[in-house]
Amino acid sequence: MSFIDTLAEMLVILFAIACGYAANRLGYLGGETDRRISKLLLNITMPSMILGAVCTGDTLPEASVVLGVLLVAVVFYLLEFAFAFLVPPLLGGTPGQKGVWRYTMAFPNVGFIGYPVAVALFGPGALFYAVILVLPFNLLSFTLGPLMLTGARRFSLRQMFSPCVVSSIAALLLALARLRPPAVIGEALEFAGSITVPLSLMFVGSLLAGLPLGHMLSSPRLWILTAVRLLVLPLVLYPILRAMGTDELILGIAITQMAMPAAVNGSLLCMEYGGDAECMAQITFISTLASILTIPIIAALLL
């Protein structure tokens, strides 16, 4: 896919965030409505999307292929967690901000933006491999994510059994066992989950409506974090996967997923568990805005 085509895909993503911003300004979103939407996303539509991704589509690959993608995922997330450990102390900030720095390093927007970008760049067949690569993300972001954002005092075992965690484990087991429920169940889950991406992006836009745009764009910490998230991490991952002899398709998917902006899930989790939702929304907006240019650049340079 050309630079222009990838850029067009990113502009579609930005449009959804702008819609949420406008909806807040018009009084359709904000306050209690945003809190209810976050619960709807975390407890119903997102689990449906996770399960629907492995319950529909073509025949599942062999278990060995799935395990190969999961091996790439291990390297992928180990690198991210290393940066999540190293970067926040260098940037400083309040405890809440450091939680946001950690979450941003550990969890890119591999689902909401990553899926459409993977399909746009590599074709429909890439979706399954992107889903398998993202399964650990779903599991880790909804267990370790709240711990990163809010600290141990706000962590509870209940988070280990949230709908998103349960659906992620179920999806992984289905993929490894190459099992499929009846087609109507997969279609129903896919249909219910299809609203997750646009609704989540509009949710972020609504959170941004009350924030000072000038303050966000002038913060050096946010721009440094954005540069590491969007450029440094994929550039570090690329030679590692090359040295491992990773299949070209899997390598391309992994590199572009690593180049994604901060995960929208962070804003949902901050709203749910009491993290710094304002700071999380800021880095989500800035990194998403910057990724409109950086993702096409990474794709053109490395793939």
Protein backbone atom coordinates (compact mmCIF):
# COMPACT_ATOMS: atom_id res chain seq x y z
CA MET A 1 0.00 0.00 0.00
CA SER A 2 1.27 3.47 -0.85
CA PHE A 3 2.02 6.27 1.61
CA ILE A 4 -1.08 8.14 0.42
CA ASP A 5 -3.38 5.13 0.87
CA THR A 6 -2.11 4.50 4.40
CA LEU A 7 -2.45 8.20 5.18
CA ALA A 8 -6.09 8.08 4.01
CA GLU A 9 -6.76 5.16 6.38
CA MET A 10 -5.39 7.18 9.31
CA LEU A 11 -7.51 10.20 8.41
CA VAL A 12 -10.62 8.00 8.72
CA ILE A 13 -9.52 7.13 12.28
CA LEU A 14 -8.99 10.81 13.11
CA PHE A 15 -12.45 11.65 11.75
CA ALA A 16 -14.07 9.32 14.31
CA ILE A 17 -12.22 11.09 17.14
CA ALA A 18 -13.34 14.47 15.74
CA CYS A 19 -16.96 13.22 15.74
CA GLY A 20 -16.68 12.42 19.44
CA TYR A 21 -15.20 15.85 20.12
CA ALA A 22 -18.08 17.52 18.27
CA ALA A 23 -20.67 15.33 20.03
CA ASN A 24 -19.36 16.48 23.41
CA ARG A 25 -19.47 20.13 22.37
CA LEU A 26 -23.07 19.67 21.20
CA GLY A 27 -24.04 18.08 24.51
CA TYR A 28 -24.57 14.53 23.21
CA LEU A 29 -21.58 13.04 25.06
CA GLY A 30 -19.70 13.83 28.27
CA GLY A 31 -20.05 13.27 32.01
CA GLU A 32 -22.28 10.35 32.99
CA THR A 33 -22.83 9.42 29.35
CA ASP A 34 -19.09 8.82 28.88
CA ARG A 35 -18.95 6.67 32.02
CA ARG A 36 -21.83 4.54 30.78
CA ILE A 37 -20.26 4.19 27.35
CA SER A 38 -16.98 3.01 28.92
CA LYS A 39 -18.88 0.26 30.76
CA LEU A 40 -20.72 -0.72 27.58
CA LEU A 41 -17.44 -1.01 25.69
CA LEU A 42 -15.53 -2.92 28.38
CA ASN A 43 -18.28 -5.32 29.37
CA ILE A 44 -20.21 -6.03 26.16
CA THR A 45 -18.95 -4.81 22.80
CA MET A 46 -15.20 -5.34 23.27
CA PRO A 47 -15.52 -8.94 24.54
CA SER A 48 -17.84 -9.59 21.58
CA MET A 49 -15.24 -8.18 19.18
CA ILE A 50 -12.44 -10.29 20.69
CA LEU A 51 -14.40 -13.53 20.41
CA GLY A 52 -15.94 -12.65 17.07
CA ALA A 53 -12.50 -12.22 15.51
CA VAL A 54 -11.65 -15.92 15.97
CA CYS A 55 -15.18 -17.26 15.47
CA THR A 56 -15.64 -15.99 11.91
CA GLY A 57 -13.69 -15.98 8.68
CA ASP A 58 -11.81 -18.70 6.84
CA THR A 59 -10.43 -21.96 8.19
CA LEU A 60 -8.06 -21.50 11.11
CA PRO A 61 -4.33 -22.22 10.47
CA GLU A 62 -2.54 -25.12 12.13
CA ALA A 63 -1.68 -24.83 15.82
CA SER A 64 2.03 -24.60 14.90
CA VAL A 65 1.35 -21.44 12.92
CA VAL A 66 -0.60 -19.93 15.81
CA LEU A 67 2.23 -20.80 18.21
CA GLY A 68 4.72 -19.16 15.83
CA VAL A 69 2.74 -15.92 15.90
CA LEU A 70 2.53 -16.16 19.70
CA LEU A 71 6.34 -16.47 19.83
CA VAL A 72 6.58 -13.19 17.95
CA ALA A 73 4.05 -11.79 20.41
CA VAL A 74 6.31 -12.78 23.33
CA VAL A 75 9.20 -10.78 21.84
CA PHE A 76 6.79 -7.95 21.00
CA TYR A 77 5.50 -7.55 24.56
CA LEU A 78 8.83 -8.18 26.30
CA LEU A 79 10.28 -5.25 24.36
CA GLU A 80 7.35 -3.03 25.25
CA PHE A 81 7.52 -3.90 28.95
CA ALA A 82 11.25 -3.19 28.96
CA PHE A 83 10.53 0.32 27.64
CA ALA A 84 7.64 0.66 30.14
CA PHE A 85 10.18 0.02 32.91
CA LEU A 86 12.94 2.29 31.54
CA VAL A 87 11.16 5.36 30.10
CA PRO A 88 8.85 6.69 32.91
CA PRO A 89 11.65 7.43 35.42
CA LEU A 90 13.39 9.51 32.75
CA LEU A 91 10.29 11.61 32.02
CA GLY A 92 9.23 12.21 35.64
CA GLY A 93 5.81 13.61 36.52
CA THR A 94 3.12 12.78 39.06
CA PRO A 95 2.38 9.15 40.03
CA GLY A 96 -0.72 9.28 37.83
CA GLN A 97 1.28 10.59 34.87
CA LYS A 98 3.96 7.94 35.32
CA GLY A 99 1.20 5.35 35.20
CA VAL A 100 0.13 6.81 31.86
CA TRP A 101 3.75 6.75 30.59
CA ARG A 102 4.00 3.04 31.55
CA TYR A 103 0.72 2.14 29.92
CA THR A 104 1.59 4.02 26.72
CA MET A 105 4.89 2.17 26.36
CA ALA A 106 3.36 -1.23 27.09
CA PHE A 107 0.12 -1.06 25.10
CA PRO A 108 -0.22 0.35 21.57
CA ASN A 109 -3.60 0.65 19.86
CA VAL A 110 -3.21 -2.73 18.17
CA GLY A 111 -6.92 -3.52 18.08
CA PHE A 112 -8.86 -0.39 17.27
CA ILE A 113 -6.42 1.10 14.75
CA GLY A 114 -4.17 -1.91 14.18
CA TYR A 115 -6.83 -4.17 12.66
CA PRO A 116 -7.92 -1.83 9.85
CA VAL A 117 -4.29 -0.85 9.12
CA ALA A 118 -3.20 -4.53 8.93
CA VAL A 119 -6.00 -5.33 6.49
CA ALA A 120 -5.32 -2.19 4.45
CA LEU A 121 -1.59 -2.95 4.13
CA PHE A 122 -1.54 -6.75 3.84
CA GLY A 123 -5.03 -7.79 2.72
CA PRO A 124 -7.95 -9.55 4.45
CA GLY A 125 -5.85 -12.63 5.22
CA ALA A 126 -3.75 -10.58 7.64
CA LEU A 127 -6.65 -10.06 10.05
CA PHE A 128 -6.40 -13.49 11.68
CA TYR A 129 -2.66 -13.10 12.36
CA ALA A 130 -3.23 -9.61 13.75
CA VAL A 131 -5.91 -11.02 16.06
CA ILE A 132 -3.56 -13.74 17.37
CA LEU A 133 -0.80 -11.17 17.91
CA VAL A 134 -3.27 -9.00 19.84
CA LEU A 135 -4.63 -11.77 22.10
CA PRO A 136 -1.87 -11.29 24.73
CA PHE A 137 -2.56 -7.54 24.58
CA ASN A 138 -6.19 -8.12 25.50
CA LEU A 139 -5.17 -10.36 28.38
CA LEU A 140 -2.38 -8.13 29.71
CA SER A 141 -3.99 -4.73 29.22
CA PHE A 142 -7.06 -5.64 31.26
CA THR A 143 -5.05 -7.24 34.08
CA LEU A 144 -1.72 -5.40 34.32
CA GLY A 145 -3.11 -2.23 32.70
CA PRO A 146 -5.13 -1.07 35.72
CA LEU A 147 -2.16 -1.91 37.96
CA MET A 148 0.12 0.28 35.83
CA LEU A 149 -2.34 3.17 35.69
CA THR A 150 -3.55 3.27 39.29
CA GLY A 151 -1.01 1.35 41.39
CA ALA A 152 -1.48 -1.69 43.60
CA ARG A 153 -3.94 0.09 45.91
CA ARG A 154 -6.61 0.12 43.21
CA PHE A 155 -5.89 -3.41 41.93
CA SER A 156 -8.24 -6.25 42.80
CA LEU A 157 -8.63 -9.89 41.80
CA ARG A 158 -11.97 -8.95 40.24
CA GLN A 159 -10.01 -7.34 37.37
CA MET A 160 -8.51 -10.76 36.58
CA PHE A 161 -11.98 -12.03 35.69
CA SER A 162 -13.35 -9.09 33.72
CA PRO A 163 -15.34 -9.86 30.54
CA CYS A 164 -12.42 -8.79 28.35
CA VAL A 165 -9.97 -11.10 30.14
CA VAL A 166 -12.37 -14.05 30.03
CA SER A 167 -13.12 -13.50 26.34
CA SER A 168 -9.38 -13.22 25.55
CA ILE A 169 -8.62 -16.54 27.23
CA ALA A 170 -11.57 -18.18 25.47
CA ALA A 171 -10.46 -16.79 22.10
CA LEU A 172 -6.90 -18.07 22.59
CA LEU A 173 -8.15 -21.56 23.51
CA LEU A 174 -10.44 -21.62 20.48
CA ALA A 175 -7.58 -20.59 18.18
CA LEU A 176 -5.15 -23.18 19.56
CA ALA A 177 -7.74 -25.97 19.46
CA ARG A 178 -8.96 -24.81 16.04
CA LEU A 179 -12.56 -24.91 17.25
CA ARG A 180 -15.44 -22.90 15.82
CA PRO A 181 -18.90 -22.39 17.35
CA PRO A 182 -21.93 -22.44 15.02
CA ALA A 183 -21.65 -19.73 12.34
CA VAL A 184 -24.63 -17.78 13.68
CA ILE A 185 -22.87 -17.31 17.04
CA GLY A 186 -19.74 -15.96 15.36
CA GLU A 187 -21.79 -13.62 13.20
CA ALA A 188 -23.75 -12.37 16.22
CA LEU A 189 -20.55 -11.68 18.19
CA GLU A 190 -18.94 -9.96 15.22
CA PHE A 191 -22.03 -7.83 14.67
CA ALA A 192 -22.23 -6.72 18.32
CA GLY A 193 -18.49 -6.05 18.42
CA SER A 194 -18.45 -4.04 15.20
CA ILE A 195 -19.43 -0.84 17.02
CA THR A 196 -16.44 -1.05 19.38
CA VAL A 197 -13.88 0.71 17.20
CA PRO A 198 -15.87 3.82 16.14
CA LEU A 199 -17.57 4.17 19.53
CA SER A 200 -14.23 3.93 21.39
CA LEU A 201 -12.64 6.54 19.15
CA MET A 202 -15.61 8.87 19.66
CA PHE A 203 -15.31 8.25 23.40
CA VAL A 204 -11.70 9.49 23.28
CA GLY A 205 -12.82 12.51 21.26
CA SER A 206 -15.38 13.32 23.94
CA LEU A 207 -12.74 13.13 26.68
CA LEU A 208 -10.55 15.53 24.70
CA ALA A 209 -13.31 18.13 24.36
CA GLY A 210 -12.69 19.54 27.83
CA LEU A 211 -8.90 19.66 27.57
CA PRO A 212 -6.80 22.71 26.59
CA LEU A 213 -5.45 21.92 23.11
CA GLY A 214 -2.61 24.44 23.35
CA HIS A 215 -1.34 22.89 26.60
CA MET A 216 -1.34 19.41 25.06
CA LEU A 217 0.57 20.39 21.94
CA SER A 218 3.20 22.35 23.91
CA SER A 219 4.09 19.57 26.38
CA PRO A 220 7.61 18.21 25.65
CA ARG A 221 6.96 15.07 27.72
CA LEU A 222 4.02 14.09 25.57
CA TRP A 223 5.97 14.59 22.35
CA ILE A 224 8.99 12.62 23.62
CA LEU A 225 6.70 9.79 24.68
CA THR A 226 4.98 9.92 21.30
CA ALA A 227 8.30 9.70 19.42
CA VAL A 228 9.39 6.66 21.43
CA ARG A 229 6.02 4.97 21.00
CA LEU A 230 5.66 5.57 17.26
CA LEU A 231 9.24 5.50 15.95
CA VAL A 232 11.80 4.08 18.39
CA LEU A 233 9.93 0.92 19.36
CA PRO A 234 9.22 -0.33 15.79
CA LEU A 235 12.80 0.51 14.75
CA VAL A 236 14.15 -1.57 17.65
CA LEU A 237 11.77 -4.48 17.01
CA TYR A 238 12.57 -4.76 13.29
CA PRO A 239 16.16 -6.12 13.51
CA ILE A 240 15.17 -8.48 16.33
CA LEU A 241 12.46 -10.14 14.25
CA ARG A 242 14.73 -10.17 11.20
CA ALA A 243 17.37 -12.03 13.21
CA MET A 244 14.71 -14.56 14.28
CA GLY A 245 13.92 -15.30 10.63
CA THR A 246 10.28 -14.24 11.03
CA ASP A 247 7.97 -14.79 8.06
CA GLU A 248 7.62 -11.62 5.97
CA LEU A 249 3.87 -11.30 6.48
CA ILE A 250 4.10 -11.80 10.25
CA LEU A 251 7.05 -9.40 10.44
CA GLY A 252 5.14 -6.72 8.54
CA ILE A 253 2.09 -7.08 10.74
CA ALA A 254 4.17 -6.99 13.95
CA ILE A 255 6.15 -3.90 12.92
CA THR A 256 3.06 -1.92 11.93
CA GLN A 257 1.27 -2.98 15.13
CA MET A 258 4.25 -1.79 17.17
CA ALA A 259 4.00 1.58 15.38
CA MET A 260 0.45 2.16 16.63
CA PRO A 261 -0.40 5.09 18.94
CA ALA A 262 -1.39 4.78 22.61
CA ALA A 263 -4.23 2.33 23.20
CA VAL A 264 -7.74 3.74 23.52
CA ASN A 265 -8.28 1.16 26.27
CA GLY A 266 -6.18 3.33 28.58
CA SER A 267 -8.85 6.03 28.69
CA LEU A 268 -11.53 3.42 29.36
CA LEU A 269 -9.51 1.89 32.21
CA CYS A 270 -8.71 5.29 33.72
CA MET A 271 -12.43 6.08 33.74
CA GLU A 272 -13.24 2.69 35.28
CA TYR A 273 -10.48 2.45 37.93
CA GLY A 274 -9.59 6.05 38.73
CA GLY A 275 -6.38 6.75 36.77
CA ASP A 276 -5.32 10.07 35.26
CA ALA A 277 -7.95 10.10 32.49
CA GLU A 278 -7.02 13.62 31.36
CA CYS A 279 -3.35 12.77 30.80
CA MET A 280 -4.26 9.46 29.15
CA ALA A 281 -6.63 11.23 26.76
CA GLN A 282 -3.90 13.76 25.93
CA ILE A 283 -1.28 11.18 24.95
CA THR A 284 -3.91 9.18 23.07
CA PHE A 285 -4.84 12.24 21.03
CA ILE A 286 -1.28 13.43 20.32
CA SER A 287 0.06 9.97 19.44
CA THR A 288 -2.96 9.25 17.23
CA LEU A 289 -2.56 12.61 15.50
CA ALA A 290 1.17 12.03 14.92
CA SER A 291 0.62 8.43 13.76
CA ILE A 292 -1.25 9.75 10.72
CA LEU A 293 2.22 10.53 9.32
CA THR A 294 4.50 8.09 11.18
CA ILE A 295 2.66 4.86 10.31
CA PRO A 296 2.94 5.48 6.54
CA ILE A 297 6.61 6.42 7.04
CA ILE A 298 7.37 3.21 8.99
CA ALA A 299 5.52 1.14 6.39
CA ALA A 300 7.46 2.79 3.56
CA LEU A 301 10.87 2.45 5.23
CA LEU A 302 10.71 -1.06 6.70
CA LEU A 303 8.20 -3.06 4.66
